């Protein structure tokens, strides 16, 4: 089955990166605690797919009802200047 959710990619400042923060922080508004990080956007997409797939598989195994994806327009309205919305698709 194919699942589509939005991830928010949060881009760190040079100062944050110099302190050891990932250049790209990744989180899913629909799944609390479903987070990752990456050195760049391309790798971030791969990391986002991996963490989302693991979370969905775990929730299915635990018989947790998966949330409906938050509306893209609602998410876009709330983005900070250093954030970008990325559609993530996984198949399980």
PDB file of N, CA and C in Angstrom:
ATOM      1  N   UNK A   1       0.834  -1.175   0.000  1.00  0.00           N
ATOM      2  CA  UNK A   1       0.000   0.000   0.000  1.00  0.00           C
ATOM      3  C   UNK A   1       0.886   1.249   0.000  1.00  0.00           C
ATOM      4  N   UNK A   2       0.428   2.292  -0.681  1.00  0.00           N
ATOM      5  CA  UNK A   2       1.187   3.536  -0.784  1.00  0.00           C
ATOM      6  C   UNK A   2       0.642   4.536   0.240  1.00  0.00           C
ATOM      7  N   UNK A   3       1.577   5.200   0.940  1.00  0.00           N
ATOM      8  CA  UNK A   3       1.228   6.216   1.941  1.00  0.00           C
ATOM      9  C   UNK A   3       1.914   7.525   1.559  1.00  0.00           C
ATOM     10  N   UNK A   4       1.171   8.626   1.703  1.00  0.00           N
ATOM     11  CA  UNK A   4       1.697   9.935   1.371  1.00  0.00           C
ATOM     12  C   UNK A   4       1.483  10.876   2.563  1.00  0.00           C
ATOM     13  N   UNK A   5       2.578  11.414   3.066  1.00  0.00           N
ATOM     14  CA  UNK A   5       2.536  12.380   4.167  1.00  0.00           C
ATOM     15  C   UNK A   5       3.520  13.498   3.853  1.00  0.00           C
ATOM     16  N   UNK A   6       3.348  14.612   4.535  1.00  0.00           N
ATOM     17  CA  UNK A   6       4.256  15.748   4.346  1.00  0.00           C
ATOM     18  C   UNK A   6       5.269  15.815   5.480  1.00  0.00           C
ATOM     19  N   UNK A   7       6.504  16.030   5.102  1.00  0.00           N
ATOM     20  CA  UNK A   7       7.574  16.269   6.063  1.00  0.00           C
ATOM     21  C   UNK A   7       7.922  17.747   5.997  1.00  0.00           C
ATOM     22  N   UNK A   8       8.356  18.274   7.116  1.00  0.00           N
ATOM     23  CA  UNK A   8       8.869  19.635   7.134  1.00  0.00           C
ATOM     24  C   UNK A   8      10.377  19.543   7.280  1.00  0.00           C
ATOM     25  N   UNK A   9      11.064  20.138   6.334  1.00  0.00           N
ATOM     26  CA  UNK A   9      12.523  20.212   6.360  1.00  0.00           C
ATOM     27  C   UNK A   9      12.889  21.569   6.936  1.00  0.00           C
ATOM     28  N   UNK A  10      13.609  21.551   8.026  1.00  0.00           N
ATOM     29  CA  UNK A  10      14.018  22.776   8.702  1.00  0.00           C
ATOM     30  C   UNK A  10      15.517  22.971   8.487  1.00  0.00           C
ATOM     31  N   UNK A  11      15.870  24.060   7.814  1.00  0.00           N
ATOM     32  CA  UNK A  11      17.266  24.301   7.459  1.00  0.00           C
ATOM     33  C   UNK A  11      17.954  25.127   8.548  1.00  0.00           C
ATOM     34  N   UNK A  12      19.070  24.613   9.029  1.00  0.00           N
ATOM     35  CA  UNK A  12      19.817  25.244  10.114  1.00  0.00           C
ATOM     36  C   UNK A  12      20.691  26.381   9.588  1.00  0.00           C
ATOM     37  N   UNK A  13      20.965  27.325  10.475  1.00  0.00           N
ATOM     38  CA  UNK A  13      21.872  28.425  10.141  1.00  0.00           C
ATOM     39  C   UNK A  13      23.316  27.921  10.221  1.00  0.00           C
ATOM     40  N   UNK A  14      24.223  28.683   9.648  1.00  0.00           N
ATOM     41  CA  UNK A  14      25.648  28.321   9.711  1.00  0.00           C
ATOM     42  C   UNK A  14      26.117  28.222  11.167  1.00  0.00           C
ATOM     43  N   UNK A  15      25.616  29.107  12.002  1.00  0.00           N
ATOM     44  CA  UNK A  15      25.988  29.085  13.419  1.00  0.00           C
ATOM     45  C   UNK A  15      25.519  27.791  14.086  1.00  0.00           C
ATOM     46  N   UNK A  16      24.298  27.368  13.807  1.00  0.00           N
ATOM     47  CA  UNK A  16      23.777  26.119  14.375  1.00  0.00           C
ATOM     48  C   UNK A  16      24.583  24.921  13.879  1.00  0.00           C
ATOM     49  N   UNK A  17      24.903  24.923  12.590  1.00  0.00           N
ATOM     50  CA  UNK A  17      25.678  23.827  12.007  1.00  0.00           C
ATOM     51  C   UNK A  17      27.051  23.751  12.659  1.00  0.00           C
ATOM     52  N   UNK A  18      27.666  24.906  12.923  1.00  0.00           N
ATOM     53  CA  UNK A  18      28.987  24.914  13.566  1.00  0.00           C
ATOM     54  C   UNK A  18      28.942  24.347  14.983  1.00  0.00           C
ATOM     55  N   UNK A  19      27.754  24.313  15.575  1.00  0.00           N
ATOM     56  CA  UNK A  19      27.583  23.759  16.928  1.00  0.00           C
ATOM     57  C   UNK A  19      27.164  22.286  16.895  1.00  0.00           C
ATOM     58  N   UNK A  20      27.141  21.695  15.692  1.00  0.00           N
ATOM     59  CA  UNK A  20      26.841  20.273  15.575  1.00  0.00           C
ATOM     60  C   UNK A  20      25.413  19.919  15.210  1.00  0.00           C
ATOM     61  N   UNK A  21      24.598  20.910  14.918  1.00  0.00           N
ATOM     62  CA  UNK A  21      23.218  20.649  14.511  1.00  0.00           C
ATOM     63  C   UNK A  21      23.220  20.188  13.052  1.00  0.00           C
ATOM     64  N   UNK A  22      22.369  19.204  12.732  1.00  0.00           N
ATOM     65  CA  UNK A  22      22.249  18.773  11.340  1.00  0.00           C
ATOM     66  C   UNK A  22      21.875  19.960  10.457  1.00  0.00           C
ATOM     67  N   UNK A  23      22.417  20.029   9.246  1.00  0.00           N
ATOM     68  CA  UNK A  23      22.030  21.099   8.321  1.00  0.00           C
ATOM     69  C   UNK A  23      20.529  21.072   7.991  1.00  0.00           C
ATOM     70  N   UNK A  24      19.949  19.862   7.957  1.00  0.00           N
ATOM     71  CA  UNK A  24      18.525  19.726   7.651  1.00  0.00           C
ATOM     72  C   UNK A  24      17.875  18.872   8.735  1.00  0.00           C
ATOM     73  N   UNK A  25      16.968  19.482   9.481  1.00  0.00           N
ATOM     74  CA  UNK A  25      16.163  18.738  10.451  1.00  0.00           C
ATOM     75  C   UNK A  25      14.860  18.345   9.779  1.00  0.00           C
ATOM     76  N   UNK A  26      14.366  17.153  10.083  1.00  0.00           N
ATOM     77  CA  UNK A  26      13.181  16.635   9.404  1.00  0.00           C
ATOM     78  C   UNK A  26      12.180  16.174  10.449  1.00  0.00           C
ATOM     79  N   UNK A  27      10.930  16.608  10.275  1.00  0.00           N
ATOM     80  CA  UNK A  27       9.890  16.093  11.158  1.00  0.00           C
ATOM     81  C   UNK A  27       8.564  15.990  10.414  1.00  0.00           C
ATOM     82  N   UNK A  28       7.688  15.151  10.937  1.00  0.00           N
ATOM     83  CA  UNK A  28       6.383  14.900  10.352  1.00  0.00           C
ATOM     84  C   UNK A  28       5.301  15.418  11.293  1.00  0.00           C
ATOM     85  N   UNK A  29       4.547  16.426  10.890  1.00  0.00           N
ATOM     86  CA  UNK A  29       3.497  16.963  11.750  1.00  0.00           C
ATOM     87  C   UNK A  29       2.434  15.922  12.138  1.00  0.00           C
ATOM     88  N   UNK A  30       2.247  14.914  11.304  1.00  0.00           N
ATOM     89  CA  UNK A  30       1.234  13.892  11.566  1.00  0.00           C
ATOM     90  C   UNK A  30       1.692  12.817  12.546  1.00  0.00           C
ATOM     91  N   UNK A  31       2.992  12.736  12.808  1.00  0.00           N
ATOM     92  CA  UNK A  31       3.539  11.679  13.660  1.00  0.00           C
ATOM     93  C   UNK A  31       4.496  12.291  14.683  1.00  0.00           C
ATOM     94  N   UNK A  32       4.018  12.513  15.891  1.00  0.00           N
ATOM     95  CA  UNK A  32       4.879  13.048  16.941  1.00  0.00           C
ATOM     96  C   UNK A  32       6.075  12.123  17.154  1.00  0.00           C
ATOM     97  N   UNK A  33       7.241  12.703  17.262  1.00  0.00           N
ATOM     98  CA  UNK A  33       8.452  11.925  17.505  1.00  0.00           C
ATOM     99  C   UNK A  33       9.053  11.274  16.276  1.00  0.00           C
ATOM    100  N   UNK A  34       8.432  11.458  15.134  1.00  0.00           N
ATOM    101  CA  UNK A  34       8.959  10.892  13.890  1.00  0.00           C
ATOM    102  C   UNK A  34       9.866  11.954  13.266  1.00  0.00           C
ATOM    103  N   UNK A  35      11.161  11.871  13.597  1.00  0.00           N
ATOM    104  CA  UNK A  35      12.112  12.901  13.200  1.00  0.00           C
ATOM    105  C   UNK A  35      13.382  12.274  12.632  1.00  0.00           C
ATOM    106  N   UNK A  36      14.120  13.088  11.911  1.00  0.00           N
ATOM    107  CA  UNK A  36      15.408  12.650  11.392  1.00  0.00           C
ATOM    108  C   UNK A  36      16.226  13.899  11.078  1.00  0.00           C
ATOM    109  N   UNK A  37      17.400  13.693  10.543  1.00  0.00           N
ATOM    110  CA  UNK A  37      18.258  14.788  10.148  1.00  0.00           C
ATOM    111  C   UNK A  37      19.136  14.340   8.991  1.00  0.00           C
ATOM    112  N   UNK A  38      19.673  15.315   8.267  1.00  0.00           N
ATOM    113  CA  UNK A  38      20.501  14.989   7.107  1.00  0.00           C
ATOM    114  C   UNK A  38      21.448  16.140   6.804  1.00  0.00           C
ATOM    115  N   UNK A  39      22.431  15.835   5.967  1.00  0.00           N
ATOM    116  CA  UNK A  39      23.411  16.843   5.567  1.00  0.00           C
ATOM    117  C   UNK A  39      22.932  17.718   4.417  1.00  0.00           C
ATOM    118  N   UNK A  40      21.925  17.231   3.659  1.00  0.00           N
ATOM    119  CA  UNK A  40      21.405  18.012   2.537  1.00  0.00           C
ATOM    120  C   UNK A  40      19.993  17.545   2.200  1.00  0.00           C
ATOM    121  N   UNK A  41      19.313  18.258   1.327  1.00  0.00           N
ATOM    122  CA  UNK A  41      17.920  17.955   0.991  1.00  0.00           C
ATOM    123  C   UNK A  41      17.770  16.585   0.350  1.00  0.00           C
ATOM    124  N   UNK A  42      18.641  16.254  -0.586  1.00  0.00           N
ATOM    125  CA  UNK A  42      18.540  14.967  -1.286  1.00  0.00           C
ATOM    126  C   UNK A  42      18.621  13.801  -0.304  1.00  0.00           C
ATOM    127  N   UNK A  43      19.613  13.832   0.568  1.00  0.00           N
ATOM    128  CA  UNK A  43      19.761  12.782   1.574  1.00  0.00           C
ATOM    129  C   UNK A  43      18.602  12.862   2.568  1.00  0.00           C
ATOM    130  N   UNK A  44      18.114  14.063   2.819  1.00  0.00           N
ATOM    131  CA  UNK A  44      16.981  14.244   3.721  1.00  0.00           C
ATOM    132  C   UNK A  44      15.736  13.520   3.243  1.00  0.00           C
ATOM    133  N   UNK A  45      15.490  13.543   1.947  1.00  0.00           N
ATOM    134  CA  UNK A  45      14.332  12.840   1.393  1.00  0.00           C
ATOM    135  C   UNK A  45      14.460  11.342   1.659  1.00  0.00           C
ATOM    136  N   UNK A  46      15.651  10.794   1.458  1.00  0.00           N
ATOM    137  CA  UNK A  46      15.867   9.366   1.719  1.00  0.00           C
ATOM    138  C   UNK A  46      15.677   9.037   3.203  1.00  0.00           C
ATOM    139  N   UNK A  47      16.209   9.891   4.069  1.00  0.00           N
ATOM    140  CA  UNK A  47      16.061   9.682   5.510  1.00  0.00           C
ATOM    141  C   UNK A  47      14.598   9.797   5.929  1.00  0.00           C
ATOM    142  N   UNK A  48      13.884  10.752   5.341  1.00  0.00           N
ATOM    143  CA  UNK A  48      12.468  10.936   5.653  1.00  0.00           C
ATOM    144  C   UNK A  48      11.663   9.701   5.239  1.00  0.00           C
ATOM    145  N   UNK A  49      11.960   9.161   4.072  1.00  0.00           N
ATOM    146  CA  UNK A  49      11.271   7.950   3.620  1.00  0.00           C
ATOM    147  C   UNK A  49      11.526   6.798   4.583  1.00  0.00           C
ATOM    148  N   UNK A  50      12.773   6.660   4.994  1.00  0.00           N
ATOM    149  CA  UNK A  50      13.138   5.555   5.885  1.00  0.00           C
ATOM    150  C   UNK A  50      12.426   5.663   7.232  1.00  0.00           C
ATOM    151  N   UNK A  51      12.467   6.844   7.848  1.00  0.00           N
ATOM    152  CA  UNK A  51      11.863   6.997   9.174  1.00  0.00           C
ATOM    153  C   UNK A  51      10.336   6.892   9.091  1.00  0.00           C
ATOM    154  N   UNK A  52       9.735   7.423   8.021  1.00  0.00           N
ATOM    155  CA  UNK A  52       8.284   7.319   7.869  1.00  0.00           C
ATOM    156  C   UNK A  52       7.859   5.869   7.675  1.00  0.00           C
ATOM    157  N   UNK A  53       8.591   5.146   6.851  1.00  0.00           N
ATOM    158  CA  UNK A  53       8.260   3.741   6.617  1.00  0.00           C
ATOM    159  C   UNK A  53       8.344   2.935   7.916  1.00  0.00           C
ATOM    160  N   UNK A  54       9.396   3.150   8.688  1.00  0.00           N
ATOM    161  CA  UNK A  54       9.534   2.446   9.959  1.00  0.00           C
ATOM    162  C   UNK A  54       8.390   2.779  10.913  1.00  0.00           C
ATOM    163  N   UNK A  55       8.023   4.052  10.961  1.00  0.00           N
ATOM    164  CA  UNK A  55       6.937   4.474  11.861  1.00  0.00           C
ATOM    165  C   UNK A  55       5.608   3.860  11.448  1.00  0.00           C
ATOM    166  N   UNK A  56       5.296   3.884  10.155  1.00  0.00           N
ATOM    167  CA  UNK A  56       4.033   3.323   9.680  1.00  0.00           C
ATOM    168  C   UNK A  56       3.996   1.822   9.930  1.00  0.00           C
ATOM    169  N   UNK A  57       5.082   1.125   9.628  1.00  0.00           N
ATOM    170  CA  UNK A  57       5.134  -0.321   9.877  1.00  0.00           C
ATOM    171  C   UNK A  57       4.911  -0.619  11.352  1.00  0.00           C
ATOM    172  N   UNK A  58       5.524   0.158  12.220  1.00  0.00           N
ATOM    173  CA  UNK A  58       5.378  -0.032  13.663  1.00  0.00           C
ATOM    174  C   UNK A  58       3.936   0.223  14.102  1.00  0.00           C
ATOM    175  N   UNK A  59       3.341   1.305  13.617  1.00  0.00           N
ATOM    176  CA  UNK A  59       1.963   1.616  13.990  1.00  0.00           C
ATOM    177  C   UNK A  59       0.997   0.542  13.494  1.00  0.00           C
ATOM    178  N   UNK A  60       1.212   0.051  12.288  1.00  0.00           N
ATOM    179  CA  UNK A  60       0.352  -1.022  11.755  1.00  0.00           C
ATOM    180  C   UNK A  60       0.496  -2.275  12.620  1.00  0.00           C
ATOM    181  N   UNK A  61       1.723  -2.634  12.940  1.00  0.00           N
ATOM    182  CA  UNK A  61       1.971  -3.811  13.772  1.00  0.00           C
ATOM    183  C   UNK A  61       1.307  -3.669  15.143  1.00  0.00           C
ATOM    184  N   UNK A  62       1.324  -2.448  15.690  1.00  0.00           N
ATOM    185  CA  UNK A  62       0.725  -2.196  17.001  1.00  0.00           C
ATOM    186  C   UNK A  62      -0.769  -1.888  16.914  1.00  0.00           C
ATOM    187  N   UNK A  63      -1.336  -2.022  15.717  1.00  0.00           N
ATOM    188  CA  UNK A  63      -2.752  -1.776  15.464  1.00  0.00           C
ATOM    189  C   UNK A  63      -3.192  -0.353  15.827  1.00  0.00           C
ATOM    190  N   UNK A  64      -2.297   0.589  15.574  1.00  0.00           N
ATOM    191  CA  UNK A  64      -2.591   2.004  15.778  1.00  0.00           C
ATOM    192  C   UNK A  64      -3.136   2.562  14.468  1.00  0.00           C
ATOM    193  N   UNK A  65      -4.256   3.257  14.544  1.00  0.00           N
ATOM    194  CA  UNK A  65      -4.866   3.834  13.349  1.00  0.00           C
ATOM    195  C   UNK A  65      -3.988   4.977  12.847  1.00  0.00           C
ATOM    196  N   UNK A  66      -3.651   4.921  11.585  1.00  0.00           N
ATOM    197  CA  UNK A  66      -2.805   5.961  10.989  1.00  0.00           C
ATOM    198  C   UNK A  66      -3.610   7.244  10.803  1.00  0.00           C
ATOM    199  N   UNK A  67      -2.978   8.389  11.039  1.00  0.00           N
ATOM    200  CA  UNK A  67      -3.697   9.666  10.889  1.00  0.00           C
ATOM    201  C   UNK A  67      -3.917  10.019   9.424  1.00  0.00           C
ATOM    202  N   UNK A  68      -4.960  10.793   9.193  1.00  0.00           N
ATOM    203  CA  UNK A  68      -5.138  11.374   7.868  1.00  0.00           C
ATOM    204  C   UNK A  68      -4.090  12.471   7.721  1.00  0.00           C
ATOM    205  N   UNK A  69      -3.496  12.596   6.551  1.00  0.00           N
ATOM    206  CA  UNK A  69      -2.483  13.646   6.357  1.00  0.00           C
ATOM    207  C   UNK A  69      -3.069  15.040   6.593  1.00  0.00           C
ATOM    208  N   UNK A  70      -2.300  15.885   7.245  1.00  0.00           N
ATOM    209  CA  UNK A  70      -2.694  17.272   7.452  1.00  0.00           C
ATOM    210  C   UNK A  70      -2.761  17.947   6.082  1.00  0.00           C
ATOM    211  N   UNK A  71      -3.690  18.853   5.934  1.00  0.00           N
ATOM    212  CA  UNK A  71      -3.879  19.572   4.679  1.00  0.00           C
ATOM    213  C   UNK A  71      -2.631  20.376   4.309  1.00  0.00           C
ATOM    214  N   UNK A  72      -2.191  20.217   3.069  1.00  0.00           N
ATOM    215  CA  UNK A  72      -0.977  20.887   2.589  1.00  0.00           C
ATOM    216  C   UNK A  72      -1.069  22.407   2.752  1.00  0.00           C
ATOM    217  N   UNK A  73      -2.206  22.989   2.426  1.00  0.00           N
ATOM    218  CA  UNK A  73      -2.372  24.445   2.527  1.00  0.00           C
ATOM    219  C   UNK A  73      -2.236  24.909   3.976  1.00  0.00           C
ATOM    220  N   UNK A  74      -2.793  24.154   4.914  1.00  0.00           N
ATOM    221  CA  UNK A  74      -2.671  24.507   6.333  1.00  0.00           C
ATOM    222  C   UNK A  74      -1.216  24.474   6.777  1.00  0.00           C
ATOM    223  N   UNK A  75      -0.485  23.451   6.332  1.00  0.00           N
ATOM    224  CA  UNK A  75       0.923  23.348   6.700  1.00  0.00           C
ATOM    225  C   UNK A  75       1.739  24.490   6.104  1.00  0.00           C
ATOM    226  N   UNK A  76       1.486  24.809   4.849  1.00  0.00           N
ATOM    227  CA  UNK A  76       2.257  25.865   4.180  1.00  0.00           C
ATOM    228  C   UNK A  76       2.085  27.216   4.873  1.00  0.00           C
ATOM    229  N   UNK A  77       0.898  27.475   5.424  1.00  0.00           N
ATOM    230  CA  UNK A  77       0.635  28.735   6.113  1.00  0.00           C
ATOM    231  C   UNK A  77       1.485  28.884   7.372  1.00  0.00           C
ATOM    232  N   UNK A  78       1.879  27.751   7.969  1.00  0.00           N
ATOM    233  CA  UNK A  78       2.576  27.769   9.248  1.00  0.00           C
ATOM    234  C   UNK A  78       4.095  27.647   9.125  1.00  0.00           C
ATOM    235  N   UNK A  79       4.600  27.519   7.916  1.00  0.00           N
ATOM    236  CA  UNK A  79       6.034  27.320   7.736  1.00  0.00           C
ATOM    237  C   UNK A  79       6.829  28.563   8.136  1.00  0.00           C
ATOM    238  N   UNK A  80       7.927  28.322   8.813  1.00  0.00           N
ATOM    239  CA  UNK A  80       8.866  29.404   9.124  1.00  0.00           C
ATOM    240  C   UNK A  80       9.690  29.698   7.871  1.00  0.00           C
ATOM    241  N   UNK A  81      10.430  30.770   7.904  1.00  0.00           N
ATOM    242  CA  UNK A  81      11.220  31.182   6.744  1.00  0.00           C
ATOM    243  C   UNK A  81      12.278  30.140   6.368  1.00  0.00           C
ATOM    244  N   UNK A  82      12.780  29.398   7.346  1.00  0.00           N
ATOM    245  CA  UNK A  82      13.825  28.408   7.084  1.00  0.00           C
ATOM    246  C   UNK A  82      13.260  27.000   6.897  1.00  0.00           C
ATOM    247  N   UNK A  83      11.962  26.875   6.665  1.00  0.00           N
ATOM    248  CA  UNK A  83      11.337  25.563   6.514  1.00  0.00           C
ATOM    249  C   UNK A  83      10.772  25.378   5.109  1.00  0.00           C
ATOM    250  N   UNK A  84      10.706  24.100   4.727  1.00  0.00           N
ATOM    251  CA  UNK A  84      10.176  23.735   3.411  1.00  0.00           C
ATOM    252  C   UNK A  84       9.324  22.486   3.567  1.00  0.00           C
ATOM    253  N   UNK A  85       8.191  22.437   2.906  1.00  0.00           N
ATOM    254  CA  UNK A  85       7.306  21.293   2.945  1.00  0.00           C
ATOM    255  C   UNK A  85       7.692  20.317   1.833  1.00  0.00           C
ATOM    256  N   UNK A  86       7.844  19.037   2.188  1.00  0.00           N
ATOM    257  CA  UNK A  86       8.257  18.021   1.219  1.00  0.00           C
ATOM    258  C   UNK A  86       7.305  16.831   1.300  1.00  0.00           C
ATOM    259  N   UNK A  87       6.716  16.471   0.158  1.00  0.00           N
ATOM    260  CA  UNK A  87       5.830  15.316   0.107  1.00  0.00           C
ATOM    261  C   UNK A  87       6.693  14.050   0.122  1.00  0.00           C
ATOM    262  N   UNK A  88       6.350  13.141   1.036  1.00  0.00           N
ATOM    263  CA  UNK A  88       7.093  11.886   1.161  1.00  0.00           C
ATOM    264  C   UNK A  88       6.132  10.740   0.877  1.00  0.00           C
ATOM    265  N   UNK A  89       6.515   9.862  -0.032  1.00  0.00           N
ATOM    266  CA  UNK A  89       5.705   8.720  -0.422  1.00  0.00           C
ATOM    267  C   UNK A  89       6.472   7.446  -0.101  1.00  0.00           C
ATOM    268  N   UNK A  90       5.807   6.537   0.616  1.00  0.00           N
ATOM    269  CA  UNK A  90       6.413   5.238   0.906  1.00  0.00           C
ATOM    270  C   UNK A  90       5.416   4.135   0.564  1.00  0.00           C
ATOM    271  N   UNK A  91       5.954   2.991   0.203  1.00  0.00           N
ATOM    272  CA  UNK A  91       5.114   1.811  -0.056  1.00  0.00           C
ATOM    273  C   UNK A  91       5.446   0.730   0.936  1.00  0.00           C
ATOM    274  N   UNK A  92       4.395   0.134   1.478  1.00  0.00           N
ATOM    275  CA  UNK A  92       4.579  -0.923   2.469  1.00  0.00           C
ATOM    276  C   UNK A  92       3.753  -2.122   2.054  1.00  0.00           C
TER     277      UNK A  92
END
